[in-house]
Amino acid sequence: MAARQLLIVGHVPSVNTQALRDAVERGARHPDIAGVDVTVLSPFDAGAADVRAADAVILGTTENLGYMSGALKDFFDRTYYAVIDDTQGLPYAVYIRAGLDGTGTRRAIESIATGLRWRAVQPPLICQGEYQDAFADQCEELGQMMAAGLEAGIF
């Protein structure tokens, strides 16, 4: 059986957001999970071909003025129409590094994902408020859950 493909598209404008994306990747590459290939890209480097090749996607963004990062918005702007017919039902999850409550960011991503007909496989992980080391643990769990779900054929 061919390996399943997990795409992580995470914006990392700071040391803390880099730690979160690294944690997601670490979880996704857990040594007990076999049969899942993980690709990690910046929103600026990810394109339609990467999305089409994926069996699931994890999106990571900061909350910028109550919205997703410009980098993630750019990713959606460049890929939306190129993937809309090919990725319906694509399982996805999202983590948000939010200084506020993450509500506007969550709504914006969910609106775009709904338009793409992607399927959220867990509620958004919102790492809210002052940075805490526990955020990295939560992100690692998110990556592990997505990879384990792919490996098990759950999504």
Protein backbone atom coordinates (compact mmCIF):
# COMPACT_ATOMS: atom_id res chain seq x y z
CA MET A 1 0.00 0.00 0.00
CA ALA A 2 1.33 3.44 -0.92
CA ALA A 3 2.16 5.84 1.87
CA ARG A 4 -0.49 8.42 2.69
CA GLN A 5 0.51 12.06 2.26
CA LEU A 6 0.17 14.64 5.05
CA LEU A 7 0.81 18.26 4.11
CA ILE A 8 1.60 20.78 6.84
CA VAL A 9 1.31 24.41 5.72
CA GLY A 10 2.37 26.62 8.60
CA HIS A 11 3.31 30.27 8.80
CA VAL A 12 6.29 30.85 11.12
CA PRO A 13 7.04 34.56 11.57
CA SER A 14 8.53 34.10 15.06
CA VAL A 15 10.51 31.72 17.25
CA ASN A 16 7.29 30.69 19.02
CA THR A 17 5.38 29.93 15.83
CA GLN A 18 8.39 27.99 14.53
CA ALA A 19 8.24 25.92 17.73
CA LEU A 20 4.56 25.20 17.10
CA ARG A 21 5.09 24.11 13.50
CA ASP A 22 8.07 21.99 14.57
CA ALA A 23 5.86 20.36 17.21
CA VAL A 24 3.16 19.56 14.64
CA GLU A 25 5.81 17.99 12.42
CA ARG A 26 7.34 16.06 15.33
CA GLY A 27 3.92 14.60 16.17
CA ALA A 28 3.23 13.73 12.54
CA ARG A 29 6.59 11.96 12.28
CA HIS A 30 6.09 9.97 15.50
CA PRO A 31 8.19 6.79 15.27
CA ASP A 32 5.15 4.56 15.91
CA ILE A 33 3.43 5.87 12.78
CA ALA A 34 4.41 4.20 9.53
CA GLY A 35 2.99 4.64 6.07
CA VAL A 36 2.58 8.42 6.24
CA ASP A 37 4.87 10.78 4.36
CA VAL A 38 4.98 14.29 5.80
CA THR A 39 5.67 17.43 3.78
CA VAL A 40 6.15 20.72 5.64
CA LEU A 41 5.97 23.97 3.70
CA SER A 42 5.61 27.66 4.25
CA PRO A 43 2.36 29.07 2.87
CA PHE A 44 4.53 30.99 0.40
CA ASP A 45 6.11 27.75 -0.88
CA ALA A 46 3.02 25.51 -0.94
CA GLY A 47 1.07 25.32 -4.17
CA ALA A 48 -1.83 23.59 -5.82
CA ALA A 49 0.21 20.49 -6.73
CA ASP A 50 1.14 20.04 -3.07
CA VAL A 51 -2.51 20.21 -2.03
CA ARG A 52 -3.61 17.82 -4.77
CA ALA A 53 -0.94 15.32 -3.67
CA ALA A 54 -2.10 15.43 -0.03
CA ASP A 55 -4.45 12.99 1.68
CA ALA A 56 -4.85 15.47 4.57
CA VAL A 57 -3.70 18.98 5.42
CA ILE A 58 -2.78 20.78 8.62
CA LEU A 59 -2.90 24.56 8.39
CA GLY A 60 -1.07 26.81 10.83
CA THR A 61 -1.38 30.55 11.15
CA THR A 62 -1.04 33.49 13.43
CA GLU A 63 -3.99 35.69 14.23
CA ASN A 64 -3.34 39.03 12.54
CA LEU A 65 -5.81 41.80 13.31
CA GLY A 66 -8.52 39.22 13.94
CA TYR A 67 -7.80 37.38 10.68
CA MET A 68 -5.44 34.72 9.35
CA SER A 69 -1.91 35.67 8.40
CA GLY A 70 -1.40 37.30 5.01
CA ALA A 71 0.84 34.34 4.16
CA LEU A 72 -1.95 31.79 4.64
CA LYS A 73 -4.41 34.04 2.81
CA ASP A 74 -1.92 34.23 -0.07
CA PHE A 75 -1.73 30.43 -0.10
CA PHE A 76 -5.51 30.19 -0.40
CA ASP A 77 -5.62 32.95 -3.04
CA ARG A 78 -3.10 31.08 -5.20
CA THR A 79 -4.55 27.60 -4.81
CA TYR A 80 -8.31 27.92 -4.27
CA TYR A 81 -9.59 27.65 -7.83
CA ALA A 82 -6.77 25.35 -8.90
CA VAL A 83 -7.76 22.68 -6.33
CA ILE A 84 -11.49 23.19 -5.79
CA ASP A 85 -12.57 20.40 -8.14
CA ASP A 86 -9.86 17.93 -7.10
CA THR A 87 -9.83 18.08 -3.29
CA GLN A 88 -13.44 17.90 -2.16
CA GLY A 89 -13.66 16.04 1.14
CA LEU A 90 -9.98 16.63 1.94
CA PRO A 91 -9.50 16.15 5.70
CA TYR A 92 -7.95 19.16 7.38
CA ALA A 93 -7.11 20.55 10.79
CA VAL A 94 -5.90 23.97 11.85
CA TYR A 95 -3.88 25.48 14.65
CA ILE A 96 -3.96 29.20 15.35
CA ARG A 97 -1.51 31.20 17.44
CA ALA A 98 -3.89 33.85 18.73
CA GLY A 99 -3.13 36.90 20.81
CA LEU A 100 -6.86 37.57 21.02
CA ASP A 101 -9.48 34.82 20.89
CA GLY A 102 -8.88 33.45 17.38
CA THR A 103 -12.56 33.69 16.46
CA GLY A 104 -12.16 35.79 13.31
CA THR A 105 -9.24 33.68 12.14
CA ARG A 106 -11.14 30.45 12.72
CA ARG A 107 -14.21 31.75 10.90
CA ALA A 108 -12.18 32.92 7.91
CA ILE A 109 -10.40 29.58 7.51
CA GLU A 110 -13.62 27.61 8.00
CA SER A 111 -15.36 29.77 5.39
CA ILE A 112 -12.65 29.08 2.80
CA ALA A 113 -12.50 25.38 3.70
CA THR A 114 -16.29 25.15 3.38
CA GLY A 115 -16.05 26.69 -0.09
CA LEU A 116 -13.42 24.10 -0.99
CA ARG A 117 -15.67 21.41 0.53
CA TRP A 118 -12.82 20.26 2.78
CA ARG A 119 -13.72 18.31 5.91
CA ALA A 120 -12.54 19.41 9.36
CA VAL A 121 -11.54 16.32 11.32
CA GLN A 122 -11.20 18.08 14.66
CA PRO A 123 -12.05 21.46 16.15
CA PRO A 124 -9.49 24.20 15.53
CA LEU A 125 -6.65 24.29 18.04
CA ILE A 126 -6.44 27.87 19.25
CA CYS A 127 -3.28 28.66 21.20
CA GLN A 128 -4.63 31.78 22.85
CA GLY A 129 -3.07 34.49 24.97
CA GLU A 130 0.49 34.73 26.24
CA TYR A 131 2.74 32.02 24.80
CA GLN A 132 2.84 28.83 26.88
CA ASP A 133 5.04 25.78 26.43
CA ALA A 134 1.86 23.68 26.60
CA PHE A 135 0.95 25.03 23.15
CA ALA A 136 3.76 22.96 21.62
CA ASP A 137 2.45 19.82 23.36
CA GLN A 138 -1.02 20.47 21.95
CA CYS A 139 0.41 21.02 18.47
CA GLU A 140 2.46 17.84 18.68
CA GLU A 141 -0.70 15.94 19.62
CA LEU A 142 -2.49 17.49 16.63
CA GLY A 143 0.22 16.32 14.24
CA GLN A 144 0.25 12.85 15.75
CA MET A 145 -3.54 12.55 15.59
CA MET A 146 -3.64 13.55 11.94
CA ALA A 147 -0.87 11.13 10.94
CA ALA A 148 -2.34 8.30 13.02
CA GLY A 149 -5.77 8.92 11.47
CA LEU A 150 -4.29 8.72 8.00
CA GLU A 151 -2.35 5.57 8.86
CA ALA A 152 -5.47 3.90 10.29
CA GLY A 153 -7.62 4.90 7.32
CA ILE A 154 -9.99 6.88 9.53
CA PHE A 155 -9.76 9.78 7.10
